[in-house]
PDB file of N, CA and C in Angstrom:
ATOM      1  N   MET A   1       3.946  13.074  21.205  1.00  0.00           N
ATOM      2  CA  MET A   1       3.409  11.834  20.706  1.00  0.00           C
ATOM      3  C   MET A   1       2.619  12.014  19.398  1.00  0.00           C
ATOM      4  N   ALA A   2       1.836  13.090  19.324  1.00  0.00           N
ATOM      5  CA  ALA A   2       1.074  13.340  18.143  1.00  0.00           C
ATOM      6  C   ALA A   2       1.953  13.620  16.936  1.00  0.00           C
ATOM      7  N   HIS A   3       3.112  14.283  17.168  1.00  0.00           N
ATOM      8  CA  HIS A   3       4.062  14.509  16.107  1.00  0.00           C
ATOM      9  C   HIS A   3       4.603  13.221  15.544  1.00  0.00           C
ATOM     10  N   ASP A   4       4.927  12.254  16.432  1.00  0.00           N
ATOM     11  CA  ASP A   4       5.390  10.966  15.987  1.00  0.00           C
ATOM     12  C   ASP A   4       4.357  10.243  15.189  1.00  0.00           C
ATOM     13  N   THR A   5       3.064  10.292  15.586  1.00  0.00           N
ATOM     14  CA  THR A   5       2.012   9.639  14.816  1.00  0.00           C
ATOM     15  C   THR A   5       1.951  10.278  13.455  1.00  0.00           C
ATOM     16  N   ASN A   6       1.940  11.590  13.376  1.00  0.00           N
ATOM     17  CA  ASN A   6       1.854  12.234  12.073  1.00  0.00           C
ATOM     18  C   ASN A   6       3.061  11.903  11.166  1.00  0.00           C
ATOM     19  N   ALA A   7       4.250  11.831  11.822  1.00  0.00           N
ATOM     20  CA  ALA A   7       5.475  11.462  11.054  1.00  0.00           C
ATOM     21  C   ALA A   7       5.348  10.053  10.506  1.00  0.00           C
ATOM     22  N   ARG A   8       4.767   9.113  11.336  1.00  0.00           N
ATOM     23  CA  ARG A   8       4.606   7.764  10.884  1.00  0.00           C
ATOM     24  C   ARG A   8       3.625   7.684   9.713  1.00  0.00           C
ATOM     25  N   LEU A   9       2.525   8.393   9.885  1.00  0.00           N
ATOM     26  CA  LEU A   9       1.510   8.407   8.791  1.00  0.00           C
ATOM     27  C   LEU A   9       2.086   8.918   7.484  1.00  0.00           C
ATOM     28  N   VAL A  10       2.806  10.019   7.572  1.00  0.00           N
ATOM     29  CA  VAL A  10       3.362  10.651   6.349  1.00  0.00           C
ATOM     30  C   VAL A  10       4.420   9.698   5.731  1.00  0.00           C
ATOM     31  N   ALA A  11       5.239   9.100   6.563  1.00  0.00           N
ATOM     32  CA  ALA A  11       6.260   8.167   6.067  1.00  0.00           C
ATOM     33  C   ALA A  11       5.604   6.979   5.298  1.00  0.00           C
ATOM     34  N   ILE A  12       4.536   6.456   5.883  1.00  0.00           N
ATOM     35  CA  ILE A  12       3.809   5.327   5.250  1.00  0.00           C
ATOM     36  C   ILE A  12       3.144   5.747   3.995  1.00  0.00           C
ATOM     37  N   TRP A  13       2.450   6.875   4.046  1.00  0.00           N
ATOM     38  CA  TRP A  13       1.754   7.406   2.855  1.00  0.00           C
ATOM     39  C   TRP A  13       2.696   7.672   1.732  1.00  0.00           C
ATOM     40  N   ARG A  14       3.968   8.189   2.073  1.00  0.00           N
ATOM     41  CA  ARG A  14       4.944   8.432   1.043  1.00  0.00           C
ATOM     42  C   ARG A  14       5.368   7.151   0.361  1.00  0.00           C
ATOM     43  N   VAL A  15       5.599   6.074   1.071  1.00  0.00           N
ATOM     44  CA  VAL A  15       5.919   4.830   0.459  1.00  0.00           C
ATOM     45  C   VAL A  15       4.797   4.290  -0.442  1.00  0.00           C
ATOM     46  N   VAL A  16       3.578   4.342   0.112  1.00  0.00           N
ATOM     47  CA  VAL A  16       2.383   3.870  -0.691  1.00  0.00           C
ATOM     48  C   VAL A  16       2.274   4.710  -1.990  1.00  0.00           C
ATOM     49  N   ALA A  17       2.437   6.011  -1.839  1.00  0.00           N
ATOM     50  CA  ALA A  17       2.295   6.915  -3.041  1.00  0.00           C
ATOM     51  C   ALA A  17       3.307   6.572  -4.128  1.00  0.00           C
ATOM     52  N   ALA A  18       4.432   6.043  -3.700  1.00  0.00           N
ATOM     53  CA  ALA A  18       5.497   5.703  -4.656  1.00  0.00           C
ATOM     54  C   ALA A  18       5.336   4.377  -5.317  1.00  0.00           C
ATOM     55  N   ILE A  19       4.358   3.538  -4.942  1.00  0.00           N
ATOM     56  CA  ILE A  19       4.197   2.224  -5.524  1.00  0.00           C
ATOM     57  C   ILE A  19       3.651   2.460  -6.963  1.00  0.00           C
ATOM     58  N   PRO A  20       4.410   2.046  -7.932  1.00  0.00           N
ATOM     59  CA  PRO A  20       4.015   2.385  -9.317  1.00  0.00           C
ATOM     60  C   PRO A  20       2.825   1.488  -9.775  1.00  0.00           C
ATOM     61  N   VAL A  21       2.124   2.023 -10.768  1.00  0.00           N
ATOM     62  CA  VAL A  21       1.024   1.275 -11.409  1.00  0.00           C
ATOM     63  C   VAL A  21       1.599  -0.119 -11.891  1.00  0.00           C
ATOM     64  N   GLY A  22       0.746  -1.148 -11.591  1.00  0.00           N
ATOM     65  CA  GLY A  22       1.196  -2.487 -11.954  1.00  0.00           C
ATOM     66  C   GLY A  22       2.003  -3.183 -10.984  1.00  0.00           C
ATOM     67  N   SER A  23       2.175  -2.595  -9.801  1.00  0.00           N
ATOM     68  CA  SER A  23       2.928  -3.244  -8.758  1.00  0.00           C
ATOM     69  C   SER A  23       2.147  -3.136  -7.439  1.00  0.00           C
ATOM     70  N   VAL A  24       2.488  -4.040  -6.536  1.00  0.00           N
ATOM     71  CA  VAL A  24       1.894  -4.053  -5.167  1.00  0.00           C
ATOM     72  C   VAL A  24       3.027  -4.245  -4.156  1.00  0.00           C
ATOM     73  N   MET A  25       2.743  -3.886  -2.940  1.00  0.00           N
ATOM     74  CA  MET A  25       3.602  -4.195  -1.787  1.00  0.00           C
ATOM     75  C   MET A  25       2.788  -4.708  -0.694  1.00  0.00           C
ATOM     76  N   SER A  26       3.408  -5.560   0.173  1.00  0.00           N
ATOM     77  CA  SER A  26       2.645  -6.072   1.264  1.00  0.00           C
ATOM     78  C   SER A  26       2.679  -4.992   2.388  1.00  0.00           C
ATOM     79  N   TYR A  27       1.791  -5.141   3.358  1.00  0.00           N
ATOM     80  CA  TYR A  27       1.799  -4.233   4.527  1.00  0.00           C
ATOM     81  C   TYR A  27       3.132  -4.238   5.229  1.00  0.00           C
ATOM     82  N   GLY A  28       3.779  -5.410   5.375  1.00  0.00           N
ATOM     83  CA  GLY A  28       5.079  -5.481   6.012  1.00  0.00           C
ATOM     84  C   GLY A  28       6.147  -4.792   5.220  1.00  0.00           C
ATOM     85  N   ASP A  29       6.104  -4.961   3.882  1.00  0.00           N
ATOM     86  CA  ASP A  29       7.114  -4.278   3.033  1.00  0.00           C
ATOM     87  C   ASP A  29       6.992  -2.738   3.166  1.00  0.00           C
ATOM     88  N   VAL A  30       5.739  -2.261   3.147  1.00  0.00           N
ATOM     89  CA  VAL A  30       5.542  -0.845   3.296  1.00  0.00           C
ATOM     90  C   VAL A  30       6.067  -0.324   4.667  1.00  0.00           C
ATOM     91  N   ALA A  31       5.811  -1.101   5.691  1.00  0.00           N
ATOM     92  CA  ALA A  31       6.279  -0.699   7.044  1.00  0.00           C
ATOM     93  C   ALA A  31       7.806  -0.622   7.049  1.00  0.00           C
ATOM     94  N   ARG A  32       8.458  -1.645   6.484  1.00  0.00           N
ATOM     95  CA  ARG A  32       9.933  -1.640   6.465  1.00  0.00           C
ATOM     96  C   ARG A  32      10.492  -0.482   5.683  1.00  0.00           C
ATOM     97  N   ARG A  33       9.891  -0.181   4.499  1.00  0.00           N
ATOM     98  CA  ARG A  33      10.394   0.899   3.658  1.00  0.00           C
ATOM     99  C   ARG A  33      10.152   2.288   4.291  1.00  0.00           C
ATOM    100  N   ALA A  34       9.122   2.352   5.137  1.00  0.00           N
ATOM    101  CA  ALA A  34       8.798   3.540   5.866  1.00  0.00           C
ATOM    102  C   ALA A  34       9.736   3.772   7.098  1.00  0.00           C
ATOM    103  N   GLY A  35      10.455   2.715   7.428  1.00  0.00           N
ATOM    104  CA  GLY A  35      11.347   2.787   8.603  1.00  0.00           C
ATOM    105  C   GLY A  35      10.749   2.288   9.880  1.00  0.00           C
ATOM    106  N   TYR A  36       9.652   1.532   9.740  1.00  0.00           N
ATOM    107  CA  TYR A  36       9.006   0.961  10.952  1.00  0.00           C
ATOM    108  C   TYR A  36       8.816  -0.559  10.686  1.00  0.00           C
ATOM    109  N   PRO A  37       9.908  -1.323  10.786  1.00  0.00           N
ATOM    110  CA  PRO A  37       9.879  -2.686  10.310  1.00  0.00           C
ATOM    111  C   PRO A  37       8.907  -3.617  11.080  1.00  0.00           C
ATOM    112  N   ASN A  38       8.502  -3.273  12.248  1.00  0.00           N
ATOM    113  CA  ASN A  38       7.500  -4.124  12.959  1.00  0.00           C
ATOM    114  C   ASN A  38       6.143  -3.534  12.987  1.00  0.00           C
ATOM    115  N   ALA A  39       5.791  -2.730  12.067  1.00  0.00           N
ATOM    116  CA  ALA A  39       4.506  -1.992  12.114  1.00  0.00           C
ATOM    117  C   ALA A  39       3.608  -2.282  10.957  1.00  0.00           C
ATOM    118  N   ALA A  40       3.534  -3.544  10.496  1.00  0.00           N
ATOM    119  CA  ALA A  40       2.645  -3.899   9.365  1.00  0.00           C
ATOM    120  C   ALA A  40       1.205  -3.537   9.732  1.00  0.00           C
ATOM    121  N   ARG A  41       0.772  -3.763  10.931  1.00  0.00           N
ATOM    122  CA  ARG A  41      -0.627  -3.459  11.314  1.00  0.00           C
ATOM    123  C   ARG A  41      -0.837  -1.946  11.258  1.00  0.00           C
ATOM    124  N   TYR A  42       0.176  -1.208  11.647  1.00  0.00           N
ATOM    125  CA  TYR A  42       0.035   0.239  11.643  1.00  0.00           C
ATOM    126  C   TYR A  42      -0.158   0.759  10.228  1.00  0.00           C
ATOM    127  N   VAL A  43       0.378   0.039   9.233  1.00  0.00           N
ATOM    128  CA  VAL A  43       0.155   0.421   7.823  1.00  0.00           C
ATOM    129  C   VAL A  43      -1.356   0.342   7.528  1.00  0.00           C
ATOM    130  N   GLY A  44      -2.010  -0.638   8.030  1.00  0.00           N
ATOM    131  CA  GLY A  44      -3.486  -0.749   7.833  1.00  0.00           C
ATOM    132  C   GLY A  44      -4.176   0.449   8.461  1.00  0.00           C
ATOM    133  N   TYR A  45      -3.725   0.819   9.680  1.00  0.00           N
ATOM    134  CA  TYR A  45      -4.355   2.023  10.309  1.00  0.00           C
ATOM    135  C   TYR A  45      -4.066   3.247   9.456  1.00  0.00           C
ATOM    136  N   ALA A  46      -2.830   3.406   9.010  1.00  0.00           N
ATOM    137  CA  ALA A  46      -2.479   4.610   8.234  1.00  0.00           C
ATOM    138  C   ALA A  46      -3.323   4.686   6.917  1.00  0.00           C
ATOM    139  N   LEU A  47      -3.546   3.483   6.342  1.00  0.00           N
ATOM    140  CA  LEU A  47      -4.387   3.514   5.128  1.00  0.00           C
ATOM    141  C   LEU A  47      -5.853   3.810   5.451  1.00  0.00           C
ATOM    142  N   SER A  48      -6.302   3.440   6.621  1.00  0.00           N
ATOM    143  CA  SER A  48      -7.714   3.767   7.012  1.00  0.00           C
ATOM    144  C   SER A  48      -7.840   5.296   7.277  1.00  0.00           C
ATOM    145  N   LYS A  49      -6.744   5.958   7.457  1.00  0.00           N
ATOM    146  CA  LYS A  49      -6.727   7.401   7.641  1.00  0.00           C
ATOM    147  C   LYS A  49      -6.514   8.169   6.288  1.00  0.00           C
ATOM    148  N   ALA A  50      -6.444   7.379   5.190  1.00  0.00           N
ATOM    149  CA  ALA A  50      -6.045   7.950   3.901  1.00  0.00           C
ATOM    150  C   ALA A  50      -7.090   8.932   3.345  1.00  0.00           C
ATOM    151  N   SER A  51      -8.185   9.072   4.026  1.00  0.00           N
ATOM    152  CA  SER A  51      -9.158  10.093   3.549  1.00  0.00           C
ATOM    153  C   SER A  51      -8.489  11.511   3.605  1.00  0.00           C
ATOM    154  N   GLN A  52      -7.470  11.575   4.449  1.00  0.00           N
ATOM    155  CA  GLN A  52      -6.704  12.775   4.503  1.00  0.00           C
ATOM    156  C   GLN A  52      -5.738  12.918   3.282  1.00  0.00           C
ATOM    157  N   ALA A  53      -5.567  11.853   2.567  1.00  0.00           N
ATOM    158  CA  ALA A  53      -4.742  11.818   1.387  1.00  0.00           C
ATOM    159  C   ALA A  53      -5.436  11.013   0.280  1.00  0.00           C
ATOM    160  N   PRO A  54      -6.510  11.609  -0.281  1.00  0.00           N
ATOM    161  CA  PRO A  54      -7.403  10.817  -1.167  1.00  0.00           C
ATOM    162  C   PRO A  54      -6.735  10.285  -2.479  1.00  0.00           C
ATOM    163  N   GLU A  55      -5.653  10.832  -2.884  1.00  0.00           N
ATOM    164  CA  GLU A  55      -4.976  10.417  -4.105  1.00  0.00           C
ATOM    165  C   GLU A  55      -4.094   9.201  -3.871  1.00  0.00           C
ATOM    166  N   LEU A  56      -3.985   8.739  -2.606  1.00  0.00           N
ATOM    167  CA  LEU A  56      -3.133   7.647  -2.225  1.00  0.00           C
ATOM    168  C   LEU A  56      -3.572   6.361  -2.875  1.00  0.00           C
ATOM    169  N   PRO A  57      -2.737   5.635  -3.592  1.00  0.00           N
ATOM    170  CA  PRO A  57      -3.119   4.344  -4.179  1.00  0.00           C
ATOM    171  C   PRO A  57      -3.162   3.201  -3.192  1.00  0.00           C
ATOM    172  N   TRP A  58      -4.011   3.299  -2.201  1.00  0.00           N
ATOM    173  CA  TRP A  58      -4.099   2.301  -1.126  1.00  0.00           C
ATOM    174  C   TRP A  58      -4.315   0.886  -1.642  1.00  0.00           C
ATOM    175  N   HIS A  59      -4.921   0.792  -2.802  1.00  0.00           N
ATOM    176  CA  HIS A  59      -5.295  -0.528  -3.360  1.00  0.00           C
ATOM    177  C   HIS A  59      -4.046  -1.299  -3.772  1.00  0.00           C
ATOM    178  N   ARG A  60      -2.913  -0.723  -3.829  1.00  0.00           N
ATOM    179  CA  ARG A  60      -1.603  -1.381  -4.160  1.00  0.00           C
ATOM    180  C   ARG A  60      -0.931  -2.015  -3.011  1.00  0.00           C
ATOM    181  N   VAL A  61      -1.561  -2.029  -1.842  1.00  0.00           N
ATOM    182  CA  VAL A  61      -1.015  -2.616  -0.636  1.00  0.00           C
ATOM    183  C   VAL A  61      -1.915  -3.837  -0.338  1.00  0.00           C
ATOM    184  N   VAL A  62      -1.221  -4.979  -0.215  1.00  0.00           N
ATOM    185  CA  VAL A  62      -1.897  -6.270  -0.010  1.00  0.00           C
ATOM    186  C   VAL A  62      -1.291  -7.028   1.124  1.00  0.00           C
ATOM    187  N   ALA A  63      -1.961  -8.071   1.598  1.00  0.00           N
ATOM    188  CA  ALA A  63      -1.456  -8.872   2.640  1.00  0.00           C
ATOM    189  C   ALA A  63      -0.285  -9.727   2.110  1.00  0.00           C
ATOM    190  N   VAL A  64       0.377 -10.354   3.033  1.00  0.00           N
ATOM    191  CA  VAL A  64       1.497 -11.228   2.694  1.00  0.00           C
ATOM    192  C   VAL A  64       1.053 -12.285   1.638  1.00  0.00           C
ATOM    193  N   GLY A  65       1.911 -12.544   0.720  1.00  0.00           N
ATOM    194  CA  GLY A  65       1.579 -13.505  -0.381  1.00  0.00           C
ATOM    195  C   GLY A  65       0.674 -12.943  -1.475  1.00  0.00           C
ATOM    196  N   GLY A  66       0.411 -11.683  -1.435  1.00  0.00           N
ATOM    197  CA  GLY A  66      -0.370 -11.007  -2.514  1.00  0.00           C
ATOM    198  C   GLY A  66      -1.862 -11.127  -2.254  1.00  0.00           C
ATOM    199  N   ARG A  67      -2.268 -11.444  -1.093  1.00  0.00           N
ATOM    200  CA  ARG A  67      -3.684 -11.594  -0.776  1.00  0.00           C
ATOM    201  C   ARG A  67      -4.361 -10.345  -0.453  1.00  0.00           C
ATOM    202  N   ILE A  68      -5.607 -10.124  -1.036  1.00  0.00           N
ATOM    203  CA  ILE A  68      -6.396  -8.974  -0.652  1.00  0.00           C
ATOM    204  C   ILE A  68      -6.835  -9.231   0.737  1.00  0.00           C
ATOM    205  N   ALA A  69      -6.591  -8.233   1.658  1.00  0.00           N
ATOM    206  CA  ALA A  69      -6.883  -8.517   3.112  1.00  0.00           C
ATOM    207  C   ALA A  69      -8.339  -8.342   3.475  1.00  0.00           C
ATOM    208  N   PHE A  70      -9.174  -7.741   2.643  1.00  0.00           N
ATOM    209  CA  PHE A  70     -10.541  -7.569   2.951  1.00  0.00           C
ATOM    210  C   PHE A  70     -11.296  -8.842   2.794  1.00  0.00           C
ATOM    211  N   PRO A  71     -12.402  -9.013   3.490  1.00  0.00           N
ATOM    212  CA  PRO A  71     -13.265 -10.230   3.305  1.00  0.00           C
ATOM    213  C   PRO A  71     -13.746 -10.326   1.885  1.00  0.00           C
ATOM    214  N   VAL A  72     -13.620 -11.496   1.299  1.00  0.00           N
ATOM    215  CA  VAL A  72     -14.133 -11.762  -0.099  1.00  0.00           C
ATOM    216  C   VAL A  72     -15.559 -11.331  -0.158  1.00  0.00           C
ATOM    217  N   GLY A  73     -15.873 -10.522  -1.208  1.00  0.00           N
ATOM    218  CA  GLY A  73     -17.228 -10.079  -1.465  1.00  0.00           C
ATOM    219  C   GLY A  73     -17.644  -8.768  -0.767  1.00  0.00           C
ATOM    220  N   SER A  74     -16.753  -8.314   0.156  1.00  0.00           N
ATOM    221  CA  SER A  74     -17.055  -7.051   0.821  1.00  0.00           C
ATOM    222  C   SER A  74     -16.883  -5.907  -0.091  1.00  0.00           C
ATOM    223  N   LYS A  75     -17.494  -4.817   0.222  1.00  0.00           N
ATOM    224  CA  LYS A  75     -17.395  -3.578  -0.602  1.00  0.00           C
ATOM    225  C   LYS A  75     -15.882  -3.170  -0.872  1.00  0.00           C
ATOM    226  N   LEU A  76     -15.095  -3.186   0.172  1.00  0.00           N
ATOM    227  CA  LEU A  76     -13.673  -2.816   0.043  1.00  0.00           C
ATOM    228  C   LEU A  76     -12.901  -3.841  -0.829  1.00  0.00           C
ATOM    229  N   TYR A  77     -13.274  -5.121  -0.637  1.00  0.00           N
ATOM    230  CA  TYR A  77     -12.616  -6.194  -1.428  1.00  0.00           C
ATOM    231  C   TYR A  77     -12.922  -5.963  -2.900  1.00  0.00           C
ATOM    232  N   ARG A  78     -14.212  -5.667  -3.227  1.00  0.00           N
ATOM    233  CA  ARG A  78     -14.574  -5.441  -4.609  1.00  0.00           C
ATOM    234  C   ARG A  78     -13.912  -4.213  -5.181  1.00  0.00           C
ATOM    235  N   GLU A  79     -13.817  -3.144  -4.380  1.00  0.00           N
ATOM    236  CA  GLU A  79     -13.144  -1.900  -4.825  1.00  0.00           C
ATOM    237  C   GLU A  79     -11.666  -2.110  -5.038  1.00  0.00           C
ATOM    238  N   GLN A  80     -11.015  -2.751  -4.143  1.00  0.00           N
ATOM    239  CA  GLN A  80      -9.553  -2.996  -4.314  1.00  0.00           C
ATOM    240  C   GLN A  80      -9.339  -3.899  -5.543  1.00  0.00           C
ATOM    241  N   ARG A  81     -10.074  -4.876  -5.742  1.00  0.00           N
ATOM    242  CA  ARG A  81      -9.932  -5.784  -6.891  1.00  0.00           C
ATOM    243  C   ARG A  81     -10.157  -5.063  -8.168  1.00  0.00           C
ATOM    244  N   ARG A  82     -11.237  -4.190  -8.183  1.00  0.00           N
ATOM    245  CA  ARG A  82     -11.513  -3.370  -9.417  1.00  0.00           C
ATOM    246  C   ARG A  82     -10.327  -2.460  -9.685  1.00  0.00           C
ATOM    247  N   ARG A  83      -9.782  -1.789  -8.684  1.00  0.00           N
ATOM    248  CA  ARG A  83      -8.694  -0.819  -8.955  1.00  0.00           C
ATOM    249  C   ARG A  83      -7.422  -1.599  -9.377  1.00  0.00           C
ATOM    250  N   LEU A  84      -7.143  -2.767  -8.773  1.00  0.00           N
ATOM    251  CA  LEU A  84      -6.010  -3.549  -9.199  1.00  0.00           C
ATOM    252  C   LEU A  84      -6.119  -4.026 -10.635  1.00  0.00           C
ATOM    253  N   LEU A  85      -7.243  -4.415 -10.998  1.00  0.00           N
ATOM    254  CA  LEU A  85      -7.536  -4.820 -12.413  1.00  0.00           C
ATOM    255  C   LEU A  85      -7.333  -3.628 -13.360  1.00  0.00           C
ATOM    256  N   ALA A  86      -7.820  -2.463 -12.931  1.00  0.00           N
ATOM    257  CA  ALA A  86      -7.679  -1.272 -13.760  1.00  0.00           C
ATOM    258  C   ALA A  86      -6.214  -0.864 -13.943  1.00  0.00           C
ATOM    259  N   ASP A  87      -5.405  -1.205 -12.934  1.00  0.00           N
ATOM    260  CA  ASP A  87      -3.925  -0.996 -12.993  1.00  0.00           C
ATOM    261  C   ASP A  87      -3.236  -2.010 -13.882  1.00  0.00           C
ATOM    262  N   GLY A  88      -4.007  -2.996 -14.346  1.00  0.00           N
ATOM    263  CA  GLY A  88      -3.444  -4.009 -15.230  1.00  0.00           C
ATOM    264  C   GLY A  88      -2.842  -5.221 -14.463  1.00  0.00           C
ATOM    265  N   MET A  89      -3.235  -5.338 -13.158  1.00  0.00           N
ATOM    266  CA  MET A  89      -2.742  -6.429 -12.371  1.00  0.00           C
ATOM    267  C   MET A  89      -3.548  -7.680 -12.661  1.00  0.00           C
ATOM    268  N   ARG A  90      -2.887  -8.823 -12.474  1.00  0.00           N
ATOM    269  CA  ARG A  90      -3.580 -10.091 -12.626  1.00  0.00           C
ATOM    270  C   ARG A  90      -4.130 -10.500 -11.283  1.00  0.00           C
ATOM    271  N   VAL A  91      -5.396 -10.592 -11.127  1.00  0.00           N
ATOM    272  CA  VAL A  91      -6.017 -10.992  -9.836  1.00  0.00           C
ATOM    273  C   VAL A  91      -6.785 -12.264 -10.050  1.00  0.00           C
ATOM    274  N   CYS A  92      -6.459 -13.288  -9.241  1.00  0.00           N
ATOM    275  CA  CYS A  92      -7.133 -14.583  -9.286  1.00  0.00           C
ATOM    276  C   CYS A  92      -7.757 -14.792  -7.937  1.00  0.00           C
ATOM    277  N   GLY A  93      -9.036 -14.769  -7.895  1.00  0.00           N
ATOM    278  CA  GLY A  93      -9.729 -14.865  -6.628  1.00  0.00           C
ATOM    279  C   GLY A  93      -9.328 -13.692  -5.718  1.00  0.00           C
ATOM    280  N   ALA A  94      -8.738 -14.003  -4.542  1.00  0.00           N
ATOM    281  CA  ALA A  94      -8.389 -12.915  -3.615  1.00  0.00           C
ATOM    282  C   ALA A  94      -6.848 -12.708  -3.644  1.00  0.00           C
ATOM    283  N   LYS A  95      -6.168 -13.215  -4.690  1.00  0.00           N
ATOM    284  CA  LYS A  95      -4.715 -13.081  -4.804  1.00  0.00           C
ATOM    285  C   LYS A  95      -4.311 -12.289  -5.954  1.00  0.00           C
ATOM    286  N   VAL A  96      -3.270 -11.487  -5.760  1.00  0.00           N
ATOM    287  CA  VAL A  96      -2.685 -10.681  -6.757  1.00  0.00           C
ATOM    288  C   VAL A  96      -1.306 -11.269  -7.132  1.00  0.00           C
ATOM    289  N   ARG A  97      -1.035 -11.316  -8.404  1.00  0.00           N
ATOM    290  CA  ARG A  97       0.308 -11.684  -8.788  1.00  0.00           C
ATOM    291  C   ARG A  97       1.286 -10.574  -8.449  1.00  0.00           C
ATOM    292  N   ILE A  98       2.255 -10.872  -7.565  1.00  0.00           N
ATOM    293  CA  ILE A  98       3.164  -9.863  -7.130  1.00  0.00           C
ATOM    294  C   ILE A  98       4.293  -9.679  -8.102  1.00  0.00           C
ATOM    295  N   THR A  99       4.510  -8.433  -8.515  1.00  0.00           N
ATOM    296  CA  THR A  99       5.621  -8.122  -9.405  1.00  0.00           C
ATOM    297  C   THR A  99       6.582  -7.224  -8.615  1.00  0.00           C
ATOM    298  N   PRO A 100       7.888  -7.461  -8.807  1.00  0.00           N
ATOM    299  CA  PRO A 100       8.834  -6.669  -8.054  1.00  0.00           C
ATOM    300  C   PRO A 100       8.676  -5.154  -8.355  1.00  0.00           C
ATOM    301  N   VAL A 101       8.804  -4.421  -7.297  1.00  0.00           N
ATOM    302  CA  VAL A 101       8.631  -2.898  -7.427  1.00  0.00           C
ATOM    303  C   VAL A 101       9.845  -2.272  -8.030  1.00  0.00           C
ATOM    304  N   GLY A 102      10.998  -2.852  -7.876  1.00  0.00           N
ATOM    305  CA  GLY A 102      12.270  -2.234  -8.357  1.00  0.00           C
ATOM    306  C   GLY A 102      12.880  -1.464  -7.286  1.00  0.00           C
ATOM    307  N   ASP A 103      13.598  -0.460  -7.617  1.00  0.00           N
ATOM    308  CA  ASP A 103      14.292   0.427  -6.697  1.00  0.00           C
ATOM    309  C   ASP A 103      13.395   1.409  -6.028  1.00  0.00           C
ATOM    310  N   MET A 104      12.766   1.055  -4.943  1.00  0.00           N
ATOM    311  CA  MET A 104      11.871   1.927  -4.239  1.00  0.00           C
ATOM    312  C   MET A 104      12.579   3.140  -3.718  1.00  0.00           C
ATOM    313  N   ASP A 105      13.898   3.056  -3.315  1.00  0.00           N
ATOM    314  CA  ASP A 105      14.595   4.203  -2.852  1.00  0.00           C
ATOM    315  C   ASP A 105      14.653   5.311  -3.871  1.00  0.00           C
ATOM    316  N   SER A 106      14.928   4.953  -5.113  1.00  0.00           N
ATOM    317  CA  SER A 106      14.994   5.984  -6.153  1.00  0.00           C
ATOM    318  C   SER A 106      13.553   6.537  -6.434  1.00  0.00           C
ATOM    319  N   LEU A 107      12.589   5.662  -6.342  1.00  0.00           N
ATOM    320  CA  LEU A 107      11.210   6.136  -6.554  1.00  0.00           C
ATOM    321  C   LEU A 107      10.786   7.108  -5.425  1.00  0.00           C
ATOM    322  N   LEU A 108      11.105   6.748  -4.174  1.00  0.00           N
ATOM    323  CA  LEU A 108      10.707   7.614  -3.080  1.00  0.00           C
ATOM    324  C   LEU A 108      11.472   8.947  -3.139  1.00  0.00           C
ATOM    325  N   TRP A 109      12.789   8.914  -3.302  1.00  0.00           N
ATOM    326  CA  TRP A 109      13.523  10.149  -3.237  1.00  0.00           C
ATOM    327  C   TRP A 109      13.423  11.026  -4.490  1.00  0.00           C
ATOM    328  N   SER A 110      13.052  10.462  -5.652  1.00  0.00           N
ATOM    329  CA  SER A 110      12.895  11.302  -6.814  1.00  0.00           C
ATOM    330  C   SER A 110      11.553  12.085  -6.698  1.00  0.00           C
ATOM    331  N   GLN A 111      10.647  11.667  -5.787  1.00  0.00           N
ATOM    332  CA  GLN A 111       9.400  12.451  -5.608  1.00  0.00           C
ATOM    333  C   GLN A 111       9.542  13.502  -4.523  1.00  0.00           C
ATOM    334  N   ALA A 112      10.686  13.567  -3.918  1.00  0.00           N
ATOM    335  CA  ALA A 112      10.853  14.496  -2.805  1.00  0.00           C
ATOM    336  C   ALA A 112      10.868  15.934  -3.198  1.00  0.00           C
ATOM    337  N   ASP A 113      11.150  16.152  -4.499  1.00  0.00           N
ATOM    338  CA  ASP A 113      11.288  17.617  -4.975  1.00  0.00           C
ATOM    339  C   ASP A 113       9.951  18.273  -5.138  1.00  0.00           C
TER     340      ASP A 113
END
C-alpha cells in the first residue's frame, strides 16, 4: 500500500513539475494526467506533501474554472497569487486566466531523461 501511495505522489508531482511558467492546470486535470482520473482531492493531498519536493511549482495548480482554492486573504492564497503574478499570469480576484498547457505528454516525457 505504501508503494502505491509513493507512486501516486511521484506521478502527481511529475505532472505538476511539467506545468510550464505562464500556465496552470486544475486539480482534476493533474489527476487525469497522472493516471488517476477520479483523484482530484488526492492532488491536494500530494501538494500538501510537497515539502518533500520543494522545487515543485504547486502554485500552478488551481481549482476548476481557474479559481485559487485557498480562502481569499489567507497566507497560502496570498502566496499562490504572488507566485502566479510573478509567472506572468493574469489574476483577477481569486481567478486566474487559464491558458492551454499544450502537449503535456511531450513535456512530461521529455523530462524523463
